[in-house]
Amino acid sequence: MAAPQSLAATFVTSSSNACCPFGLQDCQAALVKPKSAQSPEFWLLSFPIPGIAPRLGTLAEEGGLDGIVFADTQNLAGDPYSELCLVARSTTRLKLGTGVTNPVTRHPAVTASAIATVHAESSGRAILGIGRGDSSLAYIGMKPATVAALERYVQRVQTYLAGETVDLDGFESRNQWISLTGLPKIPVDIAATGPKVIGVGARLAERVTFAVGADAERISASVEIAKSASSEAGRSDDQPSLGAFVNVGVNDDAATARDLIRGGLGSFAHFSGMSGAETSRVSPNDRAIFEALGAEYDMANHGMRSAKHAKFIDDAFVDRFGVAGDSEYCIRRLGELLDAGIERLVIVAGSRDANPGDFFNSNAKLMHEVVPALREQFTK
C-alpha cells in the first residue's frame, strides 16, 4: 500500500532547502567525504547512556568535533537510535551514527528505518556504522556474524536505504517512506579489522573504519587492502572514505592517561585476536597478546579496566595500541596515523569504569588542544 499523500507531502516539505540549505548533492558529498580532501574528520565514540548522551553530543559539537557515534549494545547501554534522535535535537551540525550495529539483533529493514529516522530528525546528518557484532551478541549467547552474513546484510540494508526492492529469499520487500524524505542517501560505514571485512566495506560501503589500533604500519596496510578491493570492484573513481578507531587518553600524567583507556583498549585489541584478523605485520609479542585476548576475553567486564584480561595489557602495550599522554604527544601520534592514509579518526575516549573527572578532562584537552592543532597541521 502506498504511503498516504499527507505523509508524502510532509516529507517533501521537510526536505526543502531549510532542511538541507546547500542542496542535496552538497549534503551527500559532505557526509560521504570530509569537508575537503586535506581536512580530516574527528569523531567521538561513546555508549548511549540515557540522560547523558544529548549533553555529550552538545559538548562534542561545541568542542569542534565532526561527529559522534553510539555503540549498539542493548545489554550494556540504551538504544542508540533513540539517543541519536535526542542528540539531533540538541545539535545543528554534528554528524550522528552507530558505532556500531550488527547483522543479527535487528532485521535489515528495521535497521534501515531506524537510521533513516535519525537522518530525518537531524536534517540529513546520519551515518550507519555496521560490524560483525561483539558484546551485543555475546550478552545474548551468540557469536559474531560470519563475513558472508555481514556482506548479505550490508547489501540488503543498502538496498533499503536506496528505496529499492529487497529480495528476501523470494519475498519482495521495500521501505516505502525513506525515499519520500528527499534527503541524500545515508552513507554506510563498515568497522573492520581483517582483510575480508575490509573487503566488504571497500566493495559495498561509502566508508570503512579500521579497528587495528594506533599502529601506523597496520593502518597503512589496511588502507592498501581497502583501495585494492575497491578498485577490483570497479570503484576506482568512487573510493570509500577511510578512517580508524583509536583509543585516546589525554593527560599530563601518562599513567593517568593509560588507565583512562586501558579497559576500552582491551575491547578493541581483542578484535585482533579473532579468527581472520591480519596480524602478520605486528611483533610476535603483540601477536601473543592479541591471541591471549581473543582466547580469554572477559566479556562479563567488557570495556572495563578491572576485567580479568587486563593482566595481558601492560603499559607498553597501551602505548603501542593506543595513544596516551600529554597533548603534544597525542598530536604527534595521531598525526602519524593521519599520514598513514586515513581521513577520519574516531576517538574512543575512555573505559566503562573510567574516572569521570579524568574522562571529561581528557575530552576537554582533546577538543581544545589536540584536535585544533591537527586541523591546522593537516588542513592546507
Protein backbone atom coordinates (compact mmCIF):
# COMPACT_ATOMS: atom_id res chain seq x y z
CA MET A 1 0.00 0.00 0.00
CA ALA A 2 1.39 3.39 -0.96
CA ALA A 3 2.23 5.92 1.73
CA PRO A 4 -0.61 8.35 2.48
CA GLN A 5 -0.42 11.55 0.46
CA SER A 6 -0.27 13.64 3.63
CA LEU A 7 2.81 11.71 4.80
CA ALA A 8 4.50 12.17 1.44
CA ALA A 9 3.68 15.87 1.45
CA THR A 10 5.13 16.22 4.94
CA PHE A 11 8.42 14.64 3.90
CA VAL A 12 8.67 16.67 0.72
CA THR A 13 8.14 19.86 2.71
CA SER A 14 10.66 18.91 5.39
CA SER A 15 13.36 18.11 2.83
CA SER A 16 13.38 21.59 1.32
CA ASN A 17 16.38 23.89 1.41
CA ALA A 18 15.51 24.77 5.01
CA CYS A 19 16.46 21.18 5.83
CA CYS A 20 19.48 20.97 3.54
CA PRO A 21 20.49 24.54 2.72
CA PHE A 22 23.34 23.71 0.36
CA GLY A 23 21.33 21.33 -1.79
CA LEU A 24 21.08 17.54 -1.73
CA GLN A 25 24.23 16.82 -3.74
CA ASP A 26 26.35 19.01 -1.49
CA CYS A 27 24.86 17.41 1.65
CA GLN A 28 25.62 13.93 0.31
CA ALA A 29 29.19 14.90 -0.53
CA ALA A 30 29.68 16.33 2.95
CA LEU A 31 28.52 13.07 4.55
CA VAL A 32 30.48 10.69 2.34
CA LYS A 33 33.75 12.64 2.26
CA PRO A 34 35.35 15.09 4.71
CA LYS A 35 34.99 18.82 4.07
CA SER A 36 37.99 18.68 1.76
CA ALA A 37 40.44 16.01 0.72
CA GLN A 38 43.00 17.53 3.10
CA SER A 39 40.76 18.24 6.07
CA PRO A 40 40.49 15.28 8.47
CA GLU A 41 37.37 14.47 10.47
CA PHE A 42 37.36 13.89 14.22
CA TRP A 43 34.58 11.82 15.79
CA LEU A 44 33.83 10.59 19.30
CA LEU A 45 32.62 7.08 20.18
CA SER A 46 30.56 6.61 23.33
CA PHE A 47 27.85 4.50 24.91
CA PRO A 48 24.29 5.83 24.51
CA ILE A 49 23.59 6.48 28.18
CA PRO A 50 20.06 7.87 28.72
CA GLY A 51 20.17 11.32 30.25
CA ILE A 52 23.83 11.84 29.33
CA ALA A 53 24.00 11.27 25.58
CA PRO A 54 22.37 14.56 24.49
CA ARG A 55 24.71 16.60 26.68
CA LEU A 56 27.71 14.67 25.36
CA GLY A 57 26.59 15.44 21.82
CA THR A 58 26.31 19.13 22.65
CA LEU A 59 29.81 19.12 24.17
CA ALA A 60 31.18 17.36 21.08
CA GLU A 61 29.66 19.96 18.78
CA GLU A 62 30.76 22.88 20.94
CA GLY A 63 34.23 21.32 21.08
CA GLY A 64 34.53 21.37 17.30
CA LEU A 65 34.21 17.64 16.61
CA ASP A 66 32.66 16.48 13.35
CA GLY A 67 30.54 13.62 14.63
CA ILE A 68 29.56 11.22 17.38
CA VAL A 69 28.76 7.51 17.22
CA PHE A 70 26.98 5.38 19.80
CA ALA A 71 27.56 1.69 20.37
CA ASP A 72 24.62 -0.65 19.74
CA THR A 73 24.89 -2.95 22.74
CA GLN A 74 21.43 -3.48 24.20
CA ASN A 75 22.51 -5.24 27.42
CA LEU A 76 25.03 -2.58 28.42
CA ALA A 77 23.51 0.74 27.34
CA GLY A 78 20.44 2.46 25.98
CA ASP A 79 19.12 2.36 22.44
CA PRO A 80 21.49 4.21 20.08
CA TYR A 81 18.84 5.35 17.62
CA SER A 82 16.67 6.88 20.33
CA GLU A 83 19.63 8.71 21.84
CA LEU A 84 20.86 9.87 18.43
CA CYS A 85 17.46 11.44 17.78
CA LEU A 86 17.78 13.33 21.06
CA VAL A 87 21.28 14.46 20.12
CA ALA A 88 19.87 15.61 16.77
CA ARG A 89 17.58 17.99 18.64
CA SER A 90 20.40 19.40 20.79
CA THR A 91 22.86 19.97 17.91
CA THR A 92 22.83 21.63 14.50
CA ARG A 93 25.80 20.34 12.50
CA LEU A 94 27.21 17.29 14.35
CA LYS A 95 27.07 14.10 12.28
CA LEU A 96 25.40 11.17 14.03
CA GLY A 97 25.98 7.46 13.68
CA THR A 98 26.06 3.98 15.15
CA GLY A 99 29.44 2.75 16.27
CA VAL A 100 28.45 0.06 15.51
CA THR A 101 25.32 -2.02 14.97
CA ASN A 102 25.41 -5.65 13.81
CA PRO A 103 23.70 -8.01 11.32
CA VAL A 104 21.94 -10.13 13.93
CA THR A 105 19.87 -8.27 16.53
CA ARG A 106 17.87 -6.21 14.02
CA HIS A 107 16.36 -7.15 10.66
CA PRO A 108 17.90 -5.04 7.86
CA ALA A 109 14.53 -3.37 7.28
CA VAL A 110 14.38 -2.36 10.95
CA THR A 111 17.93 -1.01 10.89
CA ALA A 112 17.28 0.98 7.71
CA SER A 113 14.14 2.54 9.14
CA ALA A 114 15.82 3.32 12.47
CA ILE A 115 18.80 5.15 10.98
CA ALA A 116 16.53 6.87 8.45
CA THR A 117 14.55 8.25 11.39
CA VAL A 118 17.77 9.73 12.80
CA HIS A 119 18.54 11.10 9.33
CA ALA A 120 15.15 12.79 9.09
CA GLU A 121 15.25 14.18 12.64
CA SER A 122 18.75 15.60 12.05
CA SER A 123 18.05 17.06 8.59
CA GLY A 124 20.38 14.62 6.89
CA ARG A 125 23.28 14.10 9.33
CA ALA A 126 23.13 10.33 9.89
CA ILE A 127 25.67 7.63 9.06
CA LEU A 128 25.11 3.90 9.64
CA GLY A 129 28.05 2.02 11.15
CA ILE A 130 27.91 -1.78 10.92
CA GLY A 131 30.27 -4.51 12.14
CA ARG A 132 30.14 -8.25 12.77
CA GLY A 133 28.91 -7.78 16.35
CA ASP A 134 30.63 -8.18 19.70
CA SER A 135 29.10 -7.50 23.13
CA SER A 136 25.62 -7.08 21.64
CA LEU A 137 25.75 -10.73 20.59
CA ALA A 138 27.86 -12.16 23.41
CA TYR A 139 25.35 -10.97 26.01
CA ILE A 140 22.58 -12.97 24.34
CA GLY A 141 24.70 -16.08 23.87
CA MET A 142 25.58 -15.56 20.21
CA LYS A 143 28.80 -15.30 18.22
CA PRO A 144 29.82 -12.57 15.77
CA ALA A 145 28.21 -12.83 12.35
CA THR A 146 30.18 -14.53 9.61
CA VAL A 147 31.70 -12.37 6.90
CA ALA A 148 29.19 -13.81 4.42
CA ALA A 149 26.27 -12.90 6.70
CA LEU A 150 27.67 -9.39 7.15
CA GLU A 151 28.01 -8.94 3.40
CA ARG A 152 24.46 -10.07 2.69
CA TYR A 153 23.15 -7.82 5.46
CA VAL A 154 25.00 -4.79 4.11
CA GLN A 155 23.69 -5.46 0.61
CA ARG A 156 20.11 -5.58 1.90
CA VAL A 157 20.44 -2.50 4.11
CA GLN A 158 21.97 -0.55 1.25
CA THR A 159 19.06 -1.53 -0.98
CA TYR A 160 16.51 -0.45 1.63
CA LEU A 161 18.32 2.86 2.13
CA ALA A 162 18.27 3.46 -1.62
CA GLY A 163 14.48 3.00 -1.63
CA GLU A 164 14.72 -0.07 -3.83
CA THR A 165 13.18 -3.53 -3.57
CA VAL A 166 15.00 -6.14 -1.50
CA ASP A 167 14.76 -9.83 -2.36
CA LEU A 168 14.25 -11.61 0.97
CA ASP A 169 14.75 -15.13 -0.31
CA GLY A 170 11.93 -14.79 -2.81
CA PHE A 171 9.83 -12.21 -0.96
CA GLU A 172 9.95 -8.67 -2.31
CA SER A 173 10.31 -6.01 0.39
CA ARG A 174 10.74 -2.25 0.12
CA ASN A 175 10.76 0.62 2.59
CA GLN A 176 8.01 2.96 1.46
CA TRP A 177 8.92 6.12 3.36
CA ILE A 178 12.69 6.67 3.21
CA SER A 179 12.71 7.98 -0.36
CA LEU A 180 9.86 10.38 0.47
CA THR A 181 12.14 12.43 2.72
CA GLY A 182 14.04 13.77 -0.26
CA LEU A 183 17.23 13.61 1.81
CA PRO A 184 20.54 12.25 0.48
CA LYS A 185 21.13 8.53 0.89
CA ILE A 186 22.55 7.59 4.28
CA PRO A 187 26.21 6.51 4.00
CA VAL A 188 27.12 3.09 5.38
CA ASP A 189 30.36 2.69 7.34
CA ILE A 190 31.90 -0.75 7.90
CA ALA A 191 34.00 -1.33 11.04
CA ALA A 192 36.80 -3.69 10.03
CA THR A 193 39.90 -5.39 11.39
CA GLY A 194 40.69 -8.24 9.00
CA PRO A 195 41.10 -8.15 5.20
CA LYS A 196 37.83 -9.95 4.46
CA VAL A 197 35.67 -7.43 6.31
CA ILE A 198 37.74 -4.57 4.91
CA GLY A 199 36.89 -6.02 1.50
CA VAL A 200 33.17 -5.99 2.27
CA GLY A 201 33.34 -2.33 3.15
CA ALA A 202 35.51 -1.46 0.18
CA ARG A 203 33.05 -3.11 -2.22
CA LEU A 204 29.72 -2.13 -0.69
CA ALA A 205 30.01 0.85 1.66
CA GLU A 206 30.67 4.56 1.49
CA ARG A 207 33.03 4.39 4.45
CA VAL A 208 35.39 1.91 6.11
CA THR A 209 36.73 2.48 9.62
CA PHE A 210 39.62 0.27 10.74
CA ALA A 211 39.88 -1.22 14.23
CA VAL A 212 43.58 -2.09 14.26
CA GLY A 213 44.86 0.22 16.97
CA ALA A 214 47.25 3.15 16.73
CA ASP A 215 49.84 1.29 14.66
CA ALA A 216 50.59 3.43 11.60
CA GLU A 217 52.02 0.46 9.72
CA ARG A 218 48.88 -1.64 10.24
CA ILE A 219 46.68 1.29 9.25
CA SER A 220 48.74 1.85 6.11
CA ALA A 221 48.40 -1.83 5.22
CA SER A 222 44.64 -1.68 5.83
CA VAL A 223 44.41 1.36 3.55
CA GLU A 224 46.12 -0.56 0.76
CA ILE A 225 43.78 -3.55 1.23
CA ALA A 226 40.74 -1.27 1.03
CA LYS A 227 41.98 0.58 -2.04
CA SER A 228 42.85 -2.64 -3.83
CA ALA A 229 39.48 -4.24 -3.03
CA SER A 230 37.50 -1.18 -4.11
CA SER A 231 39.45 -0.95 -7.37
CA GLU A 232 38.84 -4.63 -8.09
CA ALA A 233 35.13 -3.96 -7.52
CA GLY A 234 35.19 -1.22 -10.15
CA ARG A 235 35.22 1.65 -7.67
CA SER A 236 38.46 3.32 -8.75
CA ASP A 237 36.63 6.64 -9.09
CA ASP A 238 34.40 6.04 -6.07
CA GLN A 239 36.78 5.06 -3.29
CA PRO A 240 35.26 4.81 0.20
CA SER A 241 36.27 7.29 2.87
CA LEU A 242 38.76 5.62 5.25
CA GLY A 243 39.11 6.14 8.99
CA ALA A 244 40.26 4.44 12.17
CA PHE A 245 39.03 3.83 15.71
CA VAL A 246 41.73 4.92 18.16
CA ASN A 247 41.77 4.73 21.95
CA VAL A 248 42.99 8.14 23.14
CA GLY A 249 43.65 9.44 26.66
CA VAL A 250 44.99 12.96 27.11
CA ASN A 251 46.57 13.84 30.44
CA ASP A 252 49.83 15.44 31.51
CA ASP A 253 50.37 12.34 33.64
CA ALA A 254 50.97 9.40 31.29
CA ALA A 255 49.94 6.82 33.90
CA THR A 256 46.55 8.50 34.35
CA ALA A 257 46.10 8.67 30.58
CA ARG A 258 46.86 4.95 30.21
CA ASP A 259 44.47 3.93 32.99
CA LEU A 260 41.74 6.03 31.39
CA ILE A 261 41.77 3.99 28.16
CA ARG A 262 43.05 0.59 29.30
CA GLY A 263 39.62 -1.05 29.52
CA GLY A 264 38.30 0.28 26.22
CA LEU A 265 41.61 -0.52 24.56
CA GLY A 266 41.23 -4.16 25.54
CA SER A 267 37.84 -4.25 23.82
CA PHE A 268 39.35 -3.11 20.52
CA ALA A 269 42.55 -5.13 20.86
CA HIS A 270 40.66 -8.40 21.23
CA PHE A 271 39.29 -7.98 17.69
CA SER A 272 42.84 -8.67 16.51
CA GLY A 273 42.71 -11.98 18.36
CA MET A 274 39.63 -13.16 16.48
CA SER A 275 39.72 -15.58 13.58
CA GLY A 276 40.56 -13.87 10.30
CA ALA A 277 42.36 -10.88 11.79
CA GLU A 278 45.51 -9.81 9.94
CA THR A 279 48.47 -9.72 12.33
CA SER A 280 51.37 -10.54 10.03
CA ARG A 281 52.76 -7.02 10.42
CA VAL A 282 52.77 -6.98 14.22
CA SER A 283 55.55 -8.13 16.52
CA PRO A 284 55.50 -11.67 17.94
CA ASN A 285 54.95 -10.17 21.39
CA ASP A 286 51.86 -8.23 20.31
CA ARG A 287 50.55 -11.20 18.35
CA ALA A 288 50.74 -13.27 21.54
CA ILE A 289 48.80 -10.58 23.42
CA PHE A 290 46.12 -10.47 20.71
CA GLU A 291 45.77 -14.24 20.82
CA ALA A 292 45.50 -14.21 24.62
CA LEU A 293 42.83 -11.51 24.50
CA GLY A 294 40.92 -13.41 21.84
CA ALA A 295 41.03 -16.61 23.86
CA GLU A 296 40.46 -15.23 27.37
CA TYR A 297 38.48 -12.03 26.86
CA ASP A 298 36.39 -11.26 29.94
CA MET A 299 33.10 -10.30 28.28
CA ALA A 300 31.36 -10.02 31.66
CA ASN A 301 33.52 -6.94 32.24
CA HIS A 302 33.52 -5.67 28.65
CA GLY A 303 35.32 -2.38 28.21
CA MET A 304 36.47 -2.20 31.83
CA ARG A 305 40.00 -1.88 33.19
CA SER A 306 39.02 -4.22 36.04
CA ALA A 307 38.44 -7.09 33.57
CA LYS A 308 40.43 -10.29 34.05
CA HIS A 309 42.06 -9.95 30.64
CA ALA A 310 43.62 -6.65 31.75
CA LYS A 311 46.56 -8.72 33.03
CA PHE A 312 47.69 -9.01 29.41
CA ILE A 313 47.55 -5.25 28.81
CA ASP A 314 50.71 -3.74 30.27
CA ASP A 315 51.73 -0.10 29.90
CA ALA A 316 53.97 -0.80 26.92
CA PHE A 317 51.10 -2.42 25.02
CA VAL A 318 48.79 0.50 25.84
CA ASP A 319 51.43 2.82 24.39
CA ARG A 320 51.64 0.77 21.18
CA PHE A 321 47.96 0.03 20.56
CA GLY A 322 46.56 3.31 21.91
CA VAL A 323 47.56 6.93 22.31
CA ALA A 324 48.01 8.02 25.93
CA GLY A 325 49.94 11.03 27.13
CA ASP A 326 50.03 14.80 27.15
CA SER A 327 48.61 16.92 24.34
CA GLU A 328 51.90 17.28 22.49
CA TYR A 329 52.45 13.52 22.49
CA CYS A 330 48.90 12.82 21.30
CA ILE A 331 49.20 15.37 18.49
CA ARG A 332 52.35 13.67 17.23
CA ARG A 333 50.99 10.12 17.43
CA LEU A 334 47.63 10.93 15.87
CA GLY A 335 49.38 12.90 13.15
CA GLU A 336 51.36 9.78 12.25
CA LEU A 337 48.08 7.90 11.77
CA LEU A 338 46.65 10.60 9.51
CA ASP A 339 49.86 10.45 7.50
CA ALA A 340 49.23 6.72 7.00
CA GLY A 341 46.39 7.47 4.58
CA ILE A 342 43.19 7.89 6.57
CA GLU A 343 40.99 10.97 6.66
CA ARG A 344 38.95 10.30 9.79
CA LEU A 345 39.74 9.50 13.43
CA VAL A 346 37.05 8.04 15.67
CA ILE A 347 38.25 8.67 19.21
CA VAL A 348 37.47 6.06 21.86
CA ALA A 349 37.93 8.31 24.84
CA GLY A 350 37.69 6.11 27.91
CA SER A 351 36.75 2.84 29.58
CA ARG A 352 33.36 1.96 31.04
CA ASP A 353 34.79 2.23 34.55
CA ALA A 354 36.99 5.26 33.90
CA ASN A 355 37.19 8.06 36.42
CA PRO A 356 34.54 10.58 35.26
CA GLY A 357 36.74 13.56 36.03
CA ASP A 358 39.66 12.14 34.06
CA PHE A 359 37.29 11.30 31.20
CA PHE A 360 35.90 14.81 30.86
CA ASN A 361 39.32 16.43 31.37
CA SER A 362 40.75 14.24 28.61
CA ASN A 363 37.92 15.14 26.26
CA ALA A 364 38.41 18.84 27.01
CA LYS A 365 42.11 18.64 26.15
CA LEU A 366 41.30 16.59 23.07
CA MET A 367 38.78 19.10 21.75
CA HIS A 368 40.58 22.30 22.70
CA GLU A 369 44.25 21.39 22.26
CA VAL A 370 44.76 18.22 20.22
CA VAL A 371 42.12 18.50 17.50
CA PRO A 372 42.75 22.19 16.69
CA ALA A 373 46.48 21.51 16.31
CA LEU A 374 45.84 18.56 14.00
CA ARG A 375 43.36 20.55 11.92
CA GLU A 376 45.93 23.30 11.47
CA GLN A 377 48.60 20.77 10.57
CA PHE A 378 46.56 18.75 8.08
CA THR A 379 44.29 21.36 6.51
CA LYS A 380 46.01 23.18 3.67
